[in-house]
Amino acid sequence: MRNGFPVHSLYVGSRDGKSFPDADRCAVTDAISTSFDCFTVVDADGYFKGRSVSTLAIKIATDDEASVEELGCCLGQILEQEAVGVETAGFYRTISTV
């Protein structure tokens, strides 16, 4: 018997690599809230092509992997990203948002 849900992590970079403006942070949390009641958002320092990028790591515990992927695509479009990283059960992949 399983006692919980798998945790999915989405990794979304800022538009310009610098700190997230309040408007973008609000847009991200609003988008997540429409799909999930409970989640965690952690500020992180990600790297893309050797360059530091302010990143939001979003953690969601759910069985609904399709909704996590849909959310990743939506967040990428909101923040004008080509791709969003997703990690589930220790396996990482990217979601194309174009």
C-alpha atoms as a PDB file:
ATOM      1  CA  MET A   1       0.000   0.000   0.000  1.00  0.00           C
ATOM      2  CA  ARG A   2       1.359   3.361  -1.023  1.00  0.00           C
ATOM      3  CA  ASN A   3       1.233   6.193   1.503  1.00  0.00           C
ATOM      4  CA  GLY A   4       1.647   9.193  -0.759  1.00  0.00           C
ATOM      5  CA  PHE A   5       1.996  10.668  -4.205  1.00  0.00           C
ATOM      6  CA  PRO A   6       4.969  11.052  -6.527  1.00  0.00           C
ATOM      7  CA  VAL A   7       6.596  14.494  -6.386  1.00  0.00           C
ATOM      8  CA  HIS A   8       7.051  16.310  -9.680  1.00  0.00           C
ATOM      9  CA  SER A   9       9.431  19.256  -9.935  1.00  0.00           C
ATOM     10  CA  LEU A  10       9.175  21.886 -12.651  1.00  0.00           C
ATOM     11  CA  TYR A  11      12.155  24.173 -13.311  1.00  0.00           C
ATOM     12  CA  VAL A  12      11.326  27.495 -14.941  1.00  0.00           C
ATOM     13  CA  GLY A  13      13.907  30.181 -15.703  1.00  0.00           C
ATOM     14  CA  SER A  14      13.305  33.925 -15.616  1.00  0.00           C
ATOM     15  CA  ARG A  15      12.901  35.844 -18.853  1.00  0.00           C
ATOM     16  CA  ASP A  16      16.287  37.561 -18.676  1.00  0.00           C
ATOM     17  CA  GLY A  17      18.198  35.389 -16.202  1.00  0.00           C
ATOM     18  CA  LYS A  18      17.846  38.002 -13.457  1.00  0.00           C
ATOM     19  CA  SER A  19      15.529  37.905 -10.433  1.00  0.00           C
ATOM     20  CA  PHE A  20      11.865  37.258 -11.127  1.00  0.00           C
ATOM     21  CA  PRO A  21       9.788  40.439 -11.244  1.00  0.00           C
ATOM     22  CA  ASP A  22       6.765  40.368  -8.921  1.00  0.00           C
ATOM     23  CA  ALA A  23       4.389  40.297 -11.912  1.00  0.00           C
ATOM     24  CA  ASP A  24       6.015  37.141 -13.335  1.00  0.00           C
ATOM     25  CA  ARG A  25       6.096  35.458  -9.917  1.00  0.00           C
ATOM     26  CA  CYS A  26       2.380  36.225  -9.440  1.00  0.00           C
ATOM     27  CA  ALA A  27       1.555  34.962 -12.940  1.00  0.00           C
ATOM     28  CA  VAL A  28       3.379  31.689 -12.158  1.00  0.00           C
ATOM     29  CA  THR A  29       1.680  31.124  -8.794  1.00  0.00           C
ATOM     30  CA  ASP A  30      -1.722  32.055 -10.242  1.00  0.00           C
ATOM     31  CA  ALA A  31      -1.270  29.548 -13.080  1.00  0.00           C
ATOM     32  CA  ILE A  32      -0.225  26.797 -10.674  1.00  0.00           C
ATOM     33  CA  SER A  33      -3.149  27.555  -8.355  1.00  0.00           C
ATOM     34  CA  THR A  34      -5.657  26.964 -11.147  1.00  0.00           C
ATOM     35  CA  SER A  35      -4.501  23.334 -11.443  1.00  0.00           C
ATOM     36  CA  PHE A  36      -3.237  22.380  -7.970  1.00  0.00           C
ATOM     37  CA  ASP A  37      -4.337  23.217  -4.422  1.00  0.00           C
ATOM     38  CA  CYS A  38      -0.958  22.452  -2.800  1.00  0.00           C
ATOM     39  CA  PHE A  39       2.527  23.158  -4.125  1.00  0.00           C
ATOM     40  CA  THR A  40       5.892  24.588  -3.139  1.00  0.00           C
ATOM     41  CA  VAL A  41       7.890  27.234  -5.009  1.00  0.00           C
ATOM     42  CA  VAL A  42      11.619  27.504  -4.275  1.00  0.00           C
ATOM     43  CA  ASP A  43      13.985  30.178  -5.617  1.00  0.00           C
ATOM     44  CA  ALA A  44      17.012  28.534  -7.203  1.00  0.00           C
ATOM     45  CA  ASP A  45      20.106  29.437  -9.191  1.00  0.00           C
ATOM     46  CA  GLY A  46      19.906  27.360 -12.355  1.00  0.00           C
ATOM     47  CA  TYR A  47      22.403  27.266 -15.194  1.00  0.00           C
ATOM     48  CA  PHE A  48      21.706  27.254 -18.913  1.00  0.00           C
ATOM     49  CA  LYS A  49      24.544  27.088 -21.435  1.00  0.00           C
ATOM     50  CA  GLY A  50      27.010  28.004 -18.691  1.00  0.00           C
ATOM     51  CA  ARG A  51      25.083  31.101 -17.626  1.00  0.00           C
ATOM     52  CA  SER A  52      23.404  31.606 -14.242  1.00  0.00           C
ATOM     53  CA  VAL A  53      19.634  31.980 -14.507  1.00  0.00           C
ATOM     54  CA  SER A  54      17.200  32.797 -11.705  1.00  0.00           C
ATOM     55  CA  THR A  55      14.959  29.752 -11.577  1.00  0.00           C
ATOM     56  CA  LEU A  56      11.772  28.759  -9.814  1.00  0.00           C
ATOM     57  CA  ALA A  57      11.667  25.120  -8.726  1.00  0.00           C
ATOM     58  CA  ILE A  58       8.018  24.139  -8.346  1.00  0.00           C
ATOM     59  CA  LYS A  59       7.238  20.965  -6.407  1.00  0.00           C
ATOM     60  CA  ILE A  60       3.866  19.263  -6.752  1.00  0.00           C
ATOM     61  CA  ALA A  61       2.799  15.954  -5.199  1.00  0.00           C
ATOM     62  CA  THR A  62       0.220  14.326  -7.473  1.00  0.00           C
ATOM     63  CA  ASP A  63      -0.666  11.250  -9.504  1.00  0.00           C
ATOM     64  CA  ASP A  64      -1.755  13.504 -12.378  1.00  0.00           C
ATOM     65  CA  GLU A  65       1.415  13.623 -14.468  1.00  0.00           C
ATOM     66  CA  ALA A  66      -0.461  14.912 -17.527  1.00  0.00           C
ATOM     67  CA  SER A  67      -1.605  18.021 -15.629  1.00  0.00           C
ATOM     68  CA  VAL A  68       1.972  18.671 -14.463  1.00  0.00           C
ATOM     69  CA  GLU A  69       3.197  18.504 -18.056  1.00  0.00           C
ATOM     70  CA  GLU A  70       0.378  20.780 -19.231  1.00  0.00           C
ATOM     71  CA  LEU A  71       1.259  23.242 -16.460  1.00  0.00           C
ATOM     72  CA  GLY A  72       4.946  23.157 -17.471  1.00  0.00           C
ATOM     73  CA  CYS A  73       4.006  24.058 -21.031  1.00  0.00           C
ATOM     74  CA  CYS A  74       1.730  26.863 -19.811  1.00  0.00           C
ATOM     75  CA  LEU A  75       4.423  28.309 -17.518  1.00  0.00           C
ATOM     76  CA  GLY A  76       6.964  28.215 -20.339  1.00  0.00           C
ATOM     77  CA  GLN A  77       4.601  30.170 -22.562  1.00  0.00           C
ATOM     78  CA  ILE A  78       3.845  32.714 -19.825  1.00  0.00           C
ATOM     79  CA  LEU A  79       7.579  33.323 -19.291  1.00  0.00           C
ATOM     80  CA  GLU A  80       8.507  33.030 -23.000  1.00  0.00           C
ATOM     81  CA  GLN A  81      10.750  29.992 -22.475  1.00  0.00           C
ATOM     82  CA  GLU A  82      11.626  27.471 -25.190  1.00  0.00           C
ATOM     83  CA  ALA A  83      11.494  24.618 -22.696  1.00  0.00           C
ATOM     84  CA  VAL A  84      10.775  23.851 -19.051  1.00  0.00           C
ATOM     85  CA  GLY A  85      12.551  21.167 -17.046  1.00  0.00           C
ATOM     86  CA  VAL A  86      10.513  18.490 -15.276  1.00  0.00           C
ATOM     87  CA  GLU A  87      11.764  15.880 -12.832  1.00  0.00           C
ATOM     88  CA  THR A  88       9.710  12.931 -11.637  1.00  0.00           C
ATOM     89  CA  ALA A  89      11.051  10.184  -9.389  1.00  0.00           C
ATOM     90  CA  GLY A  90      14.629  11.274 -10.064  1.00  0.00           C
ATOM     91  CA  PHE A  91      14.261  11.317 -13.864  1.00  0.00           C
ATOM     92  CA  TYR A  92      14.746  14.662 -15.640  1.00  0.00           C
ATOM     93  CA  ARG A  93      13.463  15.718 -19.044  1.00  0.00           C
ATOM     94  CA  THR A  94      12.399  18.893 -20.793  1.00  0.00           C
ATOM     95  CA  ILE A  95       8.982  19.963 -22.013  1.00  0.00           C
ATOM     96  CA  SER A  96       9.046  21.966 -25.231  1.00  0.00           C
ATOM     97  CA  THR A  97       6.816  25.014 -25.003  1.00  0.00           C
ATOM     98  CA  VAL A  98       6.988  26.100 -28.618  1.00  0.00           C
END
